[in-house]
Amino acid sequence: MDITFIVGTGRCGSTMLSRALQAHPGVLSMNEFFTSLACTGEAPFRGEAWTGPEFWSVLSGPARPLDAIAGSRHPMPELLYPYGRGRFTPETGVPAISHMALPALGPDPDALYDELAAVVPGRPRSTPSEHYRALFAELAARAGNAVVVERSGASLAFLPALRALFPEARFVHLHRSGPAVALSMSRHIGFRTLLLRTEAMGLLGLDSPFAIGPEHARELPERLAHLAGEVDCDLVMRTPLPLAAFGGFWSGLIGRGVAELVELPPERRMSLSYEEILDRPEHHFARLAAFAGAEAHPDWLRGAAASVVRAERPPVTDADTLAACAPGEEALERQARLFGAAAGH
C-alpha cells in the first residue's frame, strides 16, 4: 500500500487539499488523523508495541483540547463530527478519530466507528506502525481505495515521528507565505490554543505541547494554568497574542520541517505551495496525484480545480511579523534550491 503524508504548518491550504483528495475515487484521504491523535497526548508516537485493545484506546480516547473547542462558542471549521446529532458529545468526550478523521470518510461516522470497534481491538500485539498500516488497509479496503494520503494541520511538528513510523512513505510539503499564515493562525481558535500550549511547554521543559496534564497546573502562570485541564476557549480568544508570535511559530515549524525533509531521497519528497495551486490548480493536482501513486482522472482534476477558492486577505505590513517570518522564508528558499525549484513546475 502506498502511503503519502501531506505535511505543513496548518493554515496553508491543507484542508482544501484534503477535500480535493476525498473526491478522488482511488484515494483514502485520512483527514487530520495524526493531529487528532496528538491531542490525546504523547502515546500515538511512542515506539512500544500495543495490544489490539491498547491501540483502540488510542483511537477512541478523548481528545480534550478538541472537545473543549467543539463545546465552545468559537467554531473551528475542521471539526466535522455532527455535534448535537451524533452519539457522542464534547461534554462526555468525543473519540479522537471521530472529531475530524471519520466524518471525512462518510456520512455516518458513528456507524464507521462501530465497525472499527468490532475489528481493531481483536488485532494481535504489534508495533504502532503495524497497527496504523492495518487500520489504513482496513479503511481502504472498505472504500475500494489503493492509495492512502494522510494530511494533518501543523504536522511538521511531528514529522520526525512520522518518518520513524513510516520510513518508506512519501512526503509532500505544502506551504504558504509566512505572513499570510500568521494572520490566519492569529484568528483561529485551534492555533491560538496551540501557541499558548507551546509557550506552556517551554516553561515546563516538556517536549510536546500535548504532554501538559493536570499535574502541571500549579507550575504555570494563571493565564496558562487552564491549559493543564479544561481549556478555557473564551480566555484563549481574549488573551493578547501579537501577530509576530504566530510568525515566529510558523518560522520555527518551517525551519525544523525543512531540516527533516531535505534528508529524504528526492523520489520521496515533493514541495507544493498554496500560491502555486491557486495559479495552476489542475497542473499541481495532477503532480500531487502522480506523486502519491494515484491516477489523475480528468473529471477529478476538473472538479478539484473548480473547488479551489482564492481567499482575499489584506497584506501583512507589520514589521515585527515580517521579521519573525524571515527565517522561515529563508528556509523555504533553501528547500527550493535543494529540491530543485524548477523540477516538475
C-alpha atoms as a PDB file:
ATOM      1  CA  MET A   1       0.000   0.000   0.000  1.00  0.00           C
ATOM      2  CA  ASP A   2       1.329   3.422  -0.976  1.00  0.00           C
ATOM      3  CA  ILE A   3       1.269   5.980   1.858  1.00  0.00           C
ATOM      4  CA  THR A   4       1.825   9.699   1.338  1.00  0.00           C
ATOM      5  CA  PHE A   5       1.811  12.378   4.020  1.00  0.00           C
ATOM      6  CA  ILE A   6       0.967  15.995   3.290  1.00  0.00           C
ATOM      7  CA  VAL A   7       2.808  17.963   5.938  1.00  0.00           C
ATOM      8  CA  GLY A   8       2.758  21.660   6.709  1.00  0.00           C
ATOM      9  CA  THR A   9       2.261  24.309   9.338  1.00  0.00           C
ATOM     10  CA  GLY A  10      -1.502  24.464   9.054  1.00  0.00           C
ATOM     11  CA  ARG A  11      -3.486  27.395   7.606  1.00  0.00           C
ATOM     12  CA  CYS A  12      -1.622  26.823   4.334  1.00  0.00           C
ATOM     13  CA  GLY A  13      -4.374  25.350   2.151  1.00  0.00           C
ATOM     14  CA  SER A  14      -4.124  21.823   3.502  1.00  0.00           C
ATOM     15  CA  THR A  15      -7.858  21.493   4.263  1.00  0.00           C
ATOM     16  CA  MET A  16      -8.564  22.450   0.654  1.00  0.00           C
ATOM     17  CA  LEU A  17      -6.189  19.696  -0.445  1.00  0.00           C
ATOM     18  CA  SER A  18      -7.868  17.126   1.809  1.00  0.00           C
ATOM     19  CA  ARG A  19     -11.275  17.938   0.363  1.00  0.00           C
ATOM     20  CA  ALA A  20      -9.985  17.549  -3.171  1.00  0.00           C
ATOM     21  CA  LEU A  21      -8.426  14.181  -2.332  1.00  0.00           C
ATOM     22  CA  GLN A  22     -11.613  12.973  -0.647  1.00  0.00           C
ATOM     23  CA  ALA A  23     -13.301  13.250  -4.047  1.00  0.00           C
ATOM     24  CA  HIS A  24     -10.675  11.043  -5.734  1.00  0.00           C
ATOM     25  CA  PRO A  25     -12.075   7.518  -6.277  1.00  0.00           C
ATOM     26  CA  GLY A  26      -8.709   5.834  -5.733  1.00  0.00           C
ATOM     27  CA  VAL A  27      -7.538   7.710  -2.635  1.00  0.00           C
ATOM     28  CA  LEU A  28      -8.226   7.113   1.042  1.00  0.00           C
ATOM     29  CA  SER A  29      -7.879  10.631   2.426  1.00  0.00           C
ATOM     30  CA  MET A  30      -7.106  10.434   6.158  1.00  0.00           C
ATOM     31  CA  ASN A  31      -8.087  13.917   7.228  1.00  0.00           C
ATOM     32  CA  GLU A  32      -6.380  15.273  10.392  1.00  0.00           C
ATOM     33  CA  PHE A  33      -5.779  11.728  11.616  1.00  0.00           C
ATOM     34  CA  PHE A  34      -2.492  12.261  13.452  1.00  0.00           C
ATOM     35  CA  THR A  35      -3.364  15.744  14.706  1.00  0.00           C
ATOM     36  CA  SER A  36      -6.480  14.220  16.290  1.00  0.00           C
ATOM     37  CA  LEU A  37      -4.395  11.535  17.977  1.00  0.00           C
ATOM     38  CA  ALA A  38      -1.744  14.054  19.059  1.00  0.00           C
ATOM     39  CA  CYS A  39      -4.470  15.853  21.006  1.00  0.00           C
ATOM     40  CA  THR A  40      -4.808  12.771  23.243  1.00  0.00           C
ATOM     41  CA  GLY A  41      -1.218  13.048  24.488  1.00  0.00           C
ATOM     42  CA  GLU A  42       2.145  11.573  23.544  1.00  0.00           C
ATOM     43  CA  ALA A  43       1.086   7.913  23.278  1.00  0.00           C
ATOM     44  CA  PRO A  44       0.346   7.867  19.499  1.00  0.00           C
ATOM     45  CA  PHE A  45       4.018   8.408  18.656  1.00  0.00           C
ATOM     46  CA  ARG A  46       5.676   6.126  21.175  1.00  0.00           C
ATOM     47  CA  GLY A  47       7.567   3.112  19.938  1.00  0.00           C
ATOM     48  CA  GLU A  48       6.422   0.323  22.265  1.00  0.00           C
ATOM     49  CA  ALA A  49       4.113  -2.395  20.984  1.00  0.00           C
ATOM     50  CA  TRP A  50       0.380  -2.264  21.680  1.00  0.00           C
ATOM     51  CA  THR A  51      -2.248  -4.931  22.043  1.00  0.00           C
ATOM     52  CA  GLY A  52      -5.394  -4.507  19.975  1.00  0.00           C
ATOM     53  CA  PRO A  53      -7.364  -3.035  22.905  1.00  0.00           C
ATOM     54  CA  GLU A  54      -4.493  -0.659  23.704  1.00  0.00           C
ATOM     55  CA  PHE A  55      -4.425   0.586  20.113  1.00  0.00           C
ATOM     56  CA  TRP A  56      -8.187   1.043  20.158  1.00  0.00           C
ATOM     57  CA  SER A  57      -7.879   3.110  23.320  1.00  0.00           C
ATOM     58  CA  VAL A  58      -5.516   5.458  21.443  1.00  0.00           C
ATOM     59  CA  LEU A  59      -8.025   5.864  18.607  1.00  0.00           C
ATOM     60  CA  SER A  60     -11.139   6.082  20.746  1.00  0.00           C
ATOM     61  CA  GLY A  61      -9.825   8.026  23.733  1.00  0.00           C
ATOM     62  CA  PRO A  62     -10.941  11.613  24.279  1.00  0.00           C
ATOM     63  CA  ALA A  63      -9.013  14.488  22.702  1.00  0.00           C
ATOM     64  CA  ARG A  64      -9.780  17.037  25.402  1.00  0.00           C
ATOM     65  CA  PRO A  65      -8.482  20.140  23.560  1.00  0.00           C
ATOM     66  CA  LEU A  66     -10.781  19.301  20.642  1.00  0.00           C
ATOM     67  CA  ASP A  67     -13.685  18.568  22.992  1.00  0.00           C
ATOM     68  CA  ALA A  68     -13.182  21.974  24.613  1.00  0.00           C
ATOM     69  CA  ILE A  69     -13.249  23.771  21.267  1.00  0.00           C
ATOM     70  CA  ALA A  70     -16.202  21.746  19.969  1.00  0.00           C
ATOM     71  CA  GLY A  71     -18.172  22.618  23.092  1.00  0.00           C
ATOM     72  CA  SER A  72     -17.302  26.299  22.963  1.00  0.00           C
ATOM     73  CA  ARG A  73     -18.846  29.220  21.105  1.00  0.00           C
ATOM     74  CA  HIS A  74     -15.733  29.555  18.957  1.00  0.00           C
ATOM     75  CA  PRO A  75     -16.211  27.422  15.838  1.00  0.00           C
ATOM     76  CA  MET A  76     -13.346  25.557  14.230  1.00  0.00           C
ATOM     77  CA  PRO A  77     -14.308  24.514  10.662  1.00  0.00           C
ATOM     78  CA  GLU A  78     -12.029  21.472  10.721  1.00  0.00           C
ATOM     79  CA  LEU A  79     -14.225  19.793  13.369  1.00  0.00           C
ATOM     80  CA  LEU A  80     -16.621  17.761  11.229  1.00  0.00           C
ATOM     81  CA  TYR A  81     -18.417  15.481  13.697  1.00  0.00           C
ATOM     82  CA  PRO A  82     -22.215  16.053  13.787  1.00  0.00           C
ATOM     83  CA  TYR A  83     -22.227  17.609  17.257  1.00  0.00           C
ATOM     84  CA  GLY A  84     -25.764  17.729  18.637  1.00  0.00           C
ATOM     85  CA  ARG A  85     -26.917  14.917  16.352  1.00  0.00           C
ATOM     86  CA  GLY A  86     -24.270  12.243  16.840  1.00  0.00           C
ATOM     87  CA  ARG A  87     -23.983   9.760  19.691  1.00  0.00           C
ATOM     88  CA  PHE A  88     -21.042  11.477  21.374  1.00  0.00           C
ATOM     89  CA  THR A  89     -20.884  14.885  22.991  1.00  0.00           C
ATOM     90  CA  PRO A  90     -17.954  17.195  23.789  1.00  0.00           C
ATOM     91  CA  GLU A  91     -19.064  17.241  27.427  1.00  0.00           C
ATOM     92  CA  THR A  92     -18.611  13.493  27.852  1.00  0.00           C
ATOM     93  CA  GLY A  93     -15.855  13.137  25.259  1.00  0.00           C
ATOM     94  CA  VAL A  94     -15.865  12.535  21.514  1.00  0.00           C
ATOM     95  CA  PRO A  95     -13.476   9.761  20.354  1.00  0.00           C
ATOM     96  CA  ALA A  96     -10.314  11.274  18.904  1.00  0.00           C
ATOM     97  CA  ILE A  97     -10.819   9.772  15.453  1.00  0.00           C
ATOM     98  CA  SER A  98     -14.426  10.973  15.327  1.00  0.00           C
ATOM     99  CA  HIS A  99     -13.767  14.717  15.518  1.00  0.00           C
ATOM    100  CA  MET A 100     -12.225  15.055  12.047  1.00  0.00           C
ATOM    101  CA  ALA A 101     -10.984  11.796  10.501  1.00  0.00           C
ATOM    102  CA  LEU A 102     -14.042   9.521  10.353  1.00  0.00           C
ATOM    103  CA  PRO A 103     -16.566  12.221   9.325  1.00  0.00           C
ATOM    104  CA  ALA A 104     -14.439  12.906   6.245  1.00  0.00           C
ATOM    105  CA  LEU A 105     -14.855   9.281   5.158  1.00  0.00           C
ATOM    106  CA  GLY A 106     -18.624   9.087   5.045  1.00  0.00           C
ATOM    107  CA  PRO A 107     -21.954  10.490   6.196  1.00  0.00           C
ATOM    108  CA  ASP A 108     -22.276   8.288   9.323  1.00  0.00           C
ATOM    109  CA  PRO A 109     -19.112   8.489  11.440  1.00  0.00           C
ATOM    110  CA  ASP A 110     -20.791   6.681  14.365  1.00  0.00           C
ATOM    111  CA  ALA A 111     -21.533   3.635  12.199  1.00  0.00           C
ATOM    112  CA  LEU A 112     -17.960   3.583  10.892  1.00  0.00           C
ATOM    113  CA  TYR A 113     -16.710   3.927  14.460  1.00  0.00           C
ATOM    114  CA  ASP A 114     -18.767   0.870  15.464  1.00  0.00           C
ATOM    115  CA  GLU A 115     -17.410  -1.132  12.537  1.00  0.00           C
ATOM    116  CA  LEU A 116     -13.857  -0.361  13.598  1.00  0.00           C
ATOM    117  CA  ALA A 117     -14.669  -1.066  17.253  1.00  0.00           C
ATOM    118  CA  ALA A 118     -15.668  -4.603  16.214  1.00  0.00           C
ATOM    119  CA  VAL A 119     -12.350  -5.221  14.431  1.00  0.00           C
ATOM    120  CA  VAL A 120      -9.468  -3.177  15.834  1.00  0.00           C
ATOM    121  CA  PRO A 121      -9.422  -4.482  19.440  1.00  0.00           C
ATOM    122  CA  GLY A 122      -9.042  -8.018  18.096  1.00  0.00           C
ATOM    123  CA  ARG A 123      -5.718  -7.264  16.453  1.00  0.00           C
ATOM    124  CA  PRO A 124      -2.638  -9.009  17.889  1.00  0.00           C
ATOM    125  CA  ARG A 125       0.073  -7.215  19.805  1.00  0.00           C
ATOM    126  CA  SER A 126       2.012  -5.200  17.201  1.00  0.00           C
ATOM    127  CA  THR A 127       4.141  -2.111  16.780  1.00  0.00           C
ATOM    128  CA  PRO A 128       2.321   1.217  16.363  1.00  0.00           C
ATOM    129  CA  SER A 129       3.433   1.295  12.731  1.00  0.00           C
ATOM    130  CA  GLU A 130       1.878  -2.107  12.056  1.00  0.00           C
ATOM    131  CA  HIS A 131      -1.354  -1.089  13.773  1.00  0.00           C
ATOM    132  CA  TYR A 132      -1.621   2.121  11.766  1.00  0.00           C
ATOM    133  CA  ARG A 133      -0.944   0.304   8.495  1.00  0.00           C
ATOM    134  CA  ALA A 134      -3.586  -2.309   9.307  1.00  0.00           C
ATOM    135  CA  LEU A 135      -6.130   0.420  10.094  1.00  0.00           C
ATOM    136  CA  PHE A 136      -5.406   2.234   6.843  1.00  0.00           C
ATOM    137  CA  ALA A 137      -5.655  -1.052   4.938  1.00  0.00           C
ATOM    138  CA  GLU A 138      -8.999  -1.820   6.605  1.00  0.00           C
ATOM    139  CA  LEU A 139     -10.442   1.572   5.715  1.00  0.00           C
ATOM    140  CA  ALA A 140      -9.030   1.490   2.181  1.00  0.00           C
ATOM    141  CA  ALA A 141     -10.471  -1.970   1.540  1.00  0.00           C
ATOM    142  CA  ARG A 142     -13.920  -0.835   2.674  1.00  0.00           C
ATOM    143  CA  ALA A 143     -13.873   2.045   0.198  1.00  0.00           C
ATOM    144  CA  GLY A 144     -12.009   0.279  -2.620  1.00  0.00           C
ATOM    145  CA  ASN A 145      -9.038   2.650  -2.423  1.00  0.00           C
ATOM    146  CA  ALA A 146      -5.481   1.772  -3.400  1.00  0.00           C
ATOM    147  CA  VAL A 147      -3.624   4.840  -2.173  1.00  0.00           C
ATOM    148  CA  VAL A 148      -3.533   6.385   1.312  1.00  0.00           C
ATOM    149  CA  VAL A 149      -2.883  10.104   1.857  1.00  0.00           C
ATOM    150  CA  GLU A 150      -2.794  11.453   5.424  1.00  0.00           C
ATOM    151  CA  ARG A 151      -2.974  15.209   5.954  1.00  0.00           C
ATOM    152  CA  SER A 152      -2.859  16.953   9.307  1.00  0.00           C
ATOM    153  CA  GLY A 153      -2.550  20.602  10.244  1.00  0.00           C
ATOM    154  CA  ALA A 154       0.732  21.588  11.930  1.00  0.00           C
ATOM    155  CA  SER A 155       2.102  18.142  11.060  1.00  0.00           C
ATOM    156  CA  LEU A 156       5.621  19.491  10.563  1.00  0.00           C
ATOM    157  CA  ALA A 157       5.729  19.394  14.381  1.00  0.00           C
ATOM    158  CA  PHE A 158       5.654  15.587  14.367  1.00  0.00           C
ATOM    159  CA  LEU A 159       7.410  14.942  11.060  1.00  0.00           C
ATOM    160  CA  PRO A 160      10.308  13.077  12.772  1.00  0.00           C
ATOM    161  CA  ALA A 161       7.796  10.694  14.358  1.00  0.00           C
ATOM    162  CA  LEU A 162       6.050  10.109  11.023  1.00  0.00           C
ATOM    163  CA  ARG A 163       9.376   9.368   9.343  1.00  0.00           C
ATOM    164  CA  ALA A 164      10.210   6.860  12.070  1.00  0.00           C
ATOM    165  CA  LEU A 165       6.818   5.160  11.867  1.00  0.00           C
ATOM    166  CA  PHE A 166       6.714   5.068   8.053  1.00  0.00           C
ATOM    167  CA  PRO A 167      10.307   5.058   6.768  1.00  0.00           C
ATOM    168  CA  GLU A 168       9.250   4.280   3.189  1.00  0.00           C
ATOM    169  CA  ALA A 169       6.469   6.901   2.954  1.00  0.00           C
ATOM    170  CA  ARG A 170       6.376   9.858   0.591  1.00  0.00           C
ATOM    171  CA  PHE A 171       6.077  13.394   1.936  1.00  0.00           C
ATOM    172  CA  VAL A 172       4.552  16.467   0.324  1.00  0.00           C
ATOM    173  CA  HIS A 173       5.479  19.760   1.964  1.00  0.00           C
ATOM    174  CA  LEU A 174       2.568  22.123   1.439  1.00  0.00           C
ATOM    175  CA  HIS A 175       3.490  25.673   2.341  1.00  0.00           C
ATOM    176  CA  ARG A 176       2.259  29.236   2.041  1.00  0.00           C
ATOM    177  CA  SER A 177       3.594  32.750   2.548  1.00  0.00           C
ATOM    178  CA  GLY A 178       4.538  33.136   6.213  1.00  0.00           C
ATOM    179  CA  PRO A 179       2.798  36.460   6.927  1.00  0.00           C
ATOM    180  CA  ALA A 180      -0.447  35.161   5.401  1.00  0.00           C
ATOM    181  CA  VAL A 181      -0.267  32.025   7.539  1.00  0.00           C
ATOM    182  CA  ALA A 182       0.496  34.051  10.667  1.00  0.00           C
ATOM    183  CA  LEU A 183      -2.557  36.241  10.061  1.00  0.00           C
ATOM    184  CA  SER A 184      -4.801  33.217   9.539  1.00  0.00           C
ATOM    185  CA  MET A 185      -3.427  31.460  12.636  1.00  0.00           C
ATOM    186  CA  SER A 186      -3.995  34.542  14.782  1.00  0.00           C
ATOM    187  CA  ARG A 187      -7.764  34.309  14.186  1.00  0.00           C
ATOM    188  CA  HIS A 188      -8.054  30.538  14.612  1.00  0.00           C
ATOM    189  CA  ILE A 189      -9.052  29.068  17.980  1.00  0.00           C
ATOM    190  CA  GLY A 190      -7.020  25.896  17.380  1.00  0.00           C
ATOM    191  CA  PHE A 191      -3.792  27.694  16.590  1.00  0.00           C
ATOM    192  CA  ARG A 192      -4.244  30.235  19.350  1.00  0.00           C
ATOM    193  CA  THR A 193      -4.592  27.310  21.752  1.00  0.00           C
ATOM    194  CA  LEU A 194      -1.567  25.570  20.247  1.00  0.00           C
ATOM    195  CA  LEU A 195       0.582  28.702  20.512  1.00  0.00           C
ATOM    196  CA  LEU A 196      -0.296  29.067  24.197  1.00  0.00           C
ATOM    197  CA  ARG A 197       0.308  25.359  24.822  1.00  0.00           C
ATOM    198  CA  THR A 198       3.690  25.667  23.119  1.00  0.00           C
ATOM    199  CA  GLU A 199       4.566  28.544  25.443  1.00  0.00           C
ATOM    200  CA  ALA A 200       3.490  26.467  28.440  1.00  0.00           C
ATOM    201  CA  MET A 201       5.527  23.526  27.131  1.00  0.00           C
ATOM    202  CA  GLY A 202       8.632  25.712  27.108  1.00  0.00           C
ATOM    203  CA  LEU A 203       8.020  26.925  30.661  1.00  0.00           C
ATOM    204  CA  LEU A 204       7.561  23.354  31.874  1.00  0.00           C
ATOM    205  CA  GLY A 205      10.552  21.969  29.969  1.00  0.00           C
ATOM    206  CA  LEU A 206       8.421  19.412  28.139  1.00  0.00           C
ATOM    207  CA  ASP A 207       8.998  18.025  24.638  1.00  0.00           C
ATOM    208  CA  SER A 208       5.406  18.287  23.429  1.00  0.00           C
ATOM    209  CA  PRO A 209       2.566  20.775  23.962  1.00  0.00           C
ATOM    210  CA  PHE A 210       0.280  17.774  24.344  1.00  0.00           C
ATOM    211  CA  ALA A 211       2.289  16.370  27.255  1.00  0.00           C
ATOM    212  CA  ILE A 212       0.749  19.005  29.540  1.00  0.00           C
ATOM    213  CA  GLY A 213      -1.521  17.442  32.156  1.00  0.00           C
ATOM    214  CA  PRO A 214      -3.459  18.419  35.292  1.00  0.00           C
ATOM    215  CA  GLU A 215      -0.359  17.881  37.394  1.00  0.00           C
ATOM    216  CA  HIS A 216       1.244  20.918  35.734  1.00  0.00           C
ATOM    217  CA  ALA A 217      -1.459  23.469  36.607  1.00  0.00           C
ATOM    218  CA  ARG A 218       0.322  24.827  39.688  1.00  0.00           C
ATOM    219  CA  GLU A 219       3.570  25.283  37.780  1.00  0.00           C
ATOM    220  CA  LEU A 220       2.062  27.591  35.170  1.00  0.00           C
ATOM    221  CA  PRO A 221       1.167  31.289  35.388  1.00  0.00           C
ATOM    222  CA  GLU A 222      -2.536  31.997  35.848  1.00  0.00           C
ATOM    223  CA  ARG A 223      -3.140  32.912  32.200  1.00  0.00           C
ATOM    224  CA  LEU A 224      -1.830  29.482  31.115  1.00  0.00           C
ATOM    225  CA  ALA A 225      -2.917  27.246  34.018  1.00  0.00           C
ATOM    226  CA  HIS A 226      -6.252  26.368  32.378  1.00  0.00           C
ATOM    227  CA  LEU A 227      -4.362  24.617  29.570  1.00  0.00           C
ATOM    228  CA  ALA A 228      -3.456  21.858  32.037  1.00  0.00           C
ATOM    229  CA  GLY A 229      -7.128  20.956  32.431  1.00  0.00           C
ATOM    230  CA  GLU A 230     -10.282  22.031  30.647  1.00  0.00           C
ATOM    231  CA  VAL A 231      -9.172  24.636  28.131  1.00  0.00           C
ATOM    232  CA  ASP A 232     -10.994  27.936  28.561  1.00  0.00           C
ATOM    233  CA  CYS A 233     -11.665  28.873  24.933  1.00  0.00           C
ATOM    234  CA  ASP A 234     -13.059  32.289  25.834  1.00  0.00           C
ATOM    235  CA  LEU A 235      -9.816  33.063  27.658  1.00  0.00           C
ATOM    236  CA  VAL A 236      -7.782  31.773  24.706  1.00  0.00           C
ATOM    237  CA  MET A 237      -9.558  34.190  22.382  1.00  0.00           C
ATOM    238  CA  ARG A 238      -9.217  37.087  24.846  1.00  0.00           C
ATOM    239  CA  THR A 239      -5.521  36.570  25.541  1.00  0.00           C
ATOM    240  CA  PRO A 240      -3.448  39.213  23.720  1.00  0.00           C
ATOM    241  CA  LEU A 241      -1.183  37.445  21.242  1.00  0.00           C
ATOM    242  CA  PRO A 242       0.943  39.585  18.908  1.00  0.00           C
ATOM    243  CA  LEU A 243       0.851  38.680  15.238  1.00  0.00           C
ATOM    244  CA  ALA A 244       4.644  38.385  15.309  1.00  0.00           C
ATOM    245  CA  ALA A 245       4.326  35.483  17.768  1.00  0.00           C
ATOM    246  CA  PHE A 246       2.485  33.498  15.109  1.00  0.00           C
ATOM    247  CA  GLY A 247       5.124  34.495  12.563  1.00  0.00           C
ATOM    248  CA  GLY A 248       7.812  33.133  14.860  1.00  0.00           C
ATOM    249  CA  PHE A 249       5.802  29.954  15.441  1.00  0.00           C
ATOM    250  CA  TRP A 250       5.459  29.489  11.677  1.00  0.00           C
ATOM    251  CA  SER A 251       9.188  30.069  11.120  1.00  0.00           C
ATOM    252  CA  GLY A 252      10.081  27.517  13.783  1.00  0.00           C
ATOM    253  CA  LEU A 253       7.895  24.843  12.221  1.00  0.00           C
ATOM    254  CA  ILE A 254       9.197  25.581   8.736  1.00  0.00           C
ATOM    255  CA  GLY A 255      12.851  25.562   9.811  1.00  0.00           C
ATOM    256  CA  ARG A 256      12.615  22.252  11.643  1.00  0.00           C
ATOM    257  CA  GLY A 257      10.477  20.732   8.893  1.00  0.00           C
ATOM    258  CA  VAL A 258      12.827  21.682   6.078  1.00  0.00           C
ATOM    259  CA  ALA A 259      15.769  20.252   8.028  1.00  0.00           C
ATOM    260  CA  GLU A 260      13.926  16.906   8.117  1.00  0.00           C
ATOM    261  CA  LEU A 261      12.624  16.959   4.557  1.00  0.00           C
ATOM    262  CA  VAL A 262      15.963  17.617   2.893  1.00  0.00           C
ATOM    263  CA  GLU A 263      17.237  14.351   4.390  1.00  0.00           C
ATOM    264  CA  LEU A 264      14.706  12.360   2.354  1.00  0.00           C
ATOM    265  CA  PRO A 265      15.629  10.832  -1.000  1.00  0.00           C
ATOM    266  CA  PRO A 266      14.418  13.056  -3.871  1.00  0.00           C
ATOM    267  CA  GLU A 267      11.869  10.475  -5.017  1.00  0.00           C
ATOM    268  CA  ARG A 268      10.133  10.575  -1.626  1.00  0.00           C
ATOM    269  CA  ARG A 269       9.754  14.346  -1.221  1.00  0.00           C
ATOM    270  CA  MET A 270       7.775  16.995  -3.021  1.00  0.00           C
ATOM    271  CA  SER A 271       7.239  20.720  -2.476  1.00  0.00           C
ATOM    272  CA  LEU A 272       3.926  22.379  -3.240  1.00  0.00           C
ATOM    273  CA  SER A 273       2.812  25.880  -2.380  1.00  0.00           C
ATOM    274  CA  TYR A 274      -0.671  27.243  -1.849  1.00  0.00           C
ATOM    275  CA  GLU A 275       0.108  30.065  -4.262  1.00  0.00           C
ATOM    276  CA  GLU A 276       1.114  27.554  -6.967  1.00  0.00           C
ATOM    277  CA  ILE A 277      -2.186  25.713  -6.586  1.00  0.00           C
ATOM    278  CA  LEU A 278      -4.147  28.940  -6.962  1.00  0.00           C
ATOM    279  CA  ASP A 279      -2.288  29.826 -10.163  1.00  0.00           C
ATOM    280  CA  ARG A 280      -2.423  26.398 -11.883  1.00  0.00           C
ATOM    281  CA  PRO A 281      -4.745  24.089  -9.921  1.00  0.00           C
ATOM    282  CA  GLU A 282      -5.161  21.287 -12.467  1.00  0.00           C
ATOM    283  CA  HIS A 283      -1.421  21.102 -13.134  1.00  0.00           C
ATOM    284  CA  HIS A 284      -0.486  20.867  -9.475  1.00  0.00           C
ATOM    285  CA  PHE A 285      -3.293  18.489  -8.524  1.00  0.00           C
ATOM    286  CA  ALA A 286      -2.018  16.233 -11.324  1.00  0.00           C
ATOM    287  CA  ARG A 287       1.510  16.477  -9.879  1.00  0.00           C
ATOM    288  CA  LEU A 288       0.185  15.556  -6.441  1.00  0.00           C
ATOM    289  CA  ALA A 289      -1.795  12.566  -7.723  1.00  0.00           C
ATOM    290  CA  ALA A 290       1.155  11.238  -9.698  1.00  0.00           C
ATOM    291  CA  PHE A 291       3.493  11.630  -6.712  1.00  0.00           C
ATOM    292  CA  ALA A 292       1.070   9.759  -4.436  1.00  0.00           C
ATOM    293  CA  GLY A 293       0.668   6.954  -6.968  1.00  0.00           C
ATOM    294  CA  ALA A 294      -2.915   7.790  -7.954  1.00  0.00           C
ATOM    295  CA  GLU A 295      -4.337   8.297 -11.416  1.00  0.00           C
ATOM    296  CA  ALA A 296      -5.052  11.909 -12.357  1.00  0.00           C
ATOM    297  CA  HIS A 297      -8.581  11.340 -13.679  1.00  0.00           C
ATOM    298  CA  PRO A 298      -9.649  14.275 -15.908  1.00  0.00           C
ATOM    299  CA  ASP A 299     -13.059  14.543 -14.231  1.00  0.00           C
ATOM    300  CA  TRP A 300     -11.439  14.581 -10.808  1.00  0.00           C
ATOM    301  CA  LEU A 301      -8.923  17.207 -11.910  1.00  0.00           C
ATOM    302  CA  ARG A 302     -11.666  19.476 -13.194  1.00  0.00           C
ATOM    303  CA  GLY A 303     -13.698  19.082 -10.019  1.00  0.00           C
ATOM    304  CA  ALA A 304     -10.694  19.613  -7.765  1.00  0.00           C
ATOM    305  CA  ALA A 305      -9.673  22.726  -9.674  1.00  0.00           C
ATOM    306  CA  ALA A 306     -13.217  24.084  -9.510  1.00  0.00           C
ATOM    307  CA  SER A 307     -13.224  23.677  -5.721  1.00  0.00           C
ATOM    308  CA  VAL A 308     -10.231  25.994  -5.262  1.00  0.00           C
ATOM    309  CA  VAL A 309     -11.270  29.328  -3.808  1.00  0.00           C
ATOM    310  CA  ARG A 310      -8.877  32.247  -3.549  1.00  0.00           C
ATOM    311  CA  ALA A 311      -9.161  33.904  -0.124  1.00  0.00           C
ATOM    312  CA  GLU A 312      -8.713  37.642  -0.420  1.00  0.00           C
ATOM    313  CA  ARG A 313      -6.902  38.942   2.654  1.00  0.00           C
ATOM    314  CA  PRO A 314      -5.141  42.248   3.303  1.00  0.00           C
ATOM    315  CA  PRO A 315      -1.344  42.069   3.028  1.00  0.00           C
ATOM    316  CA  VAL A 316       0.590  41.943   6.290  1.00  0.00           C
ATOM    317  CA  THR A 317       2.812  45.004   6.666  1.00  0.00           C
ATOM    318  CA  ASP A 318       3.702  44.774  10.364  1.00  0.00           C
ATOM    319  CA  ALA A 319       7.499  44.983  10.555  1.00  0.00           C
ATOM    320  CA  ASP A 320       7.804  42.690  13.584  1.00  0.00           C
ATOM    321  CA  THR A 321       5.737  39.992  11.895  1.00  0.00           C
ATOM    322  CA  LEU A 322       7.718  40.224   8.654  1.00  0.00           C
ATOM    323  CA  ALA A 323      10.948  39.933  10.653  1.00  0.00           C
ATOM    324  CA  ALA A 324       9.600  36.934  12.569  1.00  0.00           C
ATOM    325  CA  CYS A 325       8.690  35.205   9.293  1.00  0.00           C
ATOM    326  CA  ALA A 326      12.050  35.913   7.642  1.00  0.00           C
ATOM    327  CA  PRO A 327      13.837  32.778   8.965  1.00  0.00           C
ATOM    328  CA  GLY A 328      11.016  30.589   7.686  1.00  0.00           C
ATOM    329  CA  GLU A 329      11.051  32.260   4.274  1.00  0.00           C
ATOM    330  CA  GLU A 330      14.826  31.703   4.114  1.00  0.00           C
ATOM    331  CA  ALA A 331      14.326  28.033   4.983  1.00  0.00           C
ATOM    332  CA  LEU A 332      11.808  27.690   2.129  1.00  0.00           C
ATOM    333  CA  GLU A 333      14.295  29.273  -0.256  1.00  0.00           C
ATOM    334  CA  ARG A 334      16.890  26.763   0.913  1.00  0.00           C
ATOM    335  CA  GLN A 335      14.408  23.947   0.366  1.00  0.00           C
ATOM    336  CA  ALA A 336      13.677  25.171  -3.164  1.00  0.00           C
ATOM    337  CA  ARG A 337      17.379  25.141  -4.012  1.00  0.00           C
ATOM    338  CA  LEU A 338      17.921  21.677  -2.550  1.00  0.00           C
ATOM    339  CA  PHE A 339      14.762  20.159  -4.034  1.00  0.00           C
ATOM    340  CA  GLY A 340      15.352  21.752  -7.444  1.00  0.00           C
ATOM    341  CA  ALA A 341      12.791  24.526  -7.694  1.00  0.00           C
ATOM    342  CA  ALA A 342      12.072  24.080 -11.379  1.00  0.00           C
ATOM    343  CA  ALA A 343      11.550  20.312 -11.315  1.00  0.00           C
ATOM    344  CA  GLY A 344       8.021  19.421 -12.265  1.00  0.00           C
ATOM    345  CA  HIS A 345       6.668  23.005 -12.098  1.00  0.00           C
END
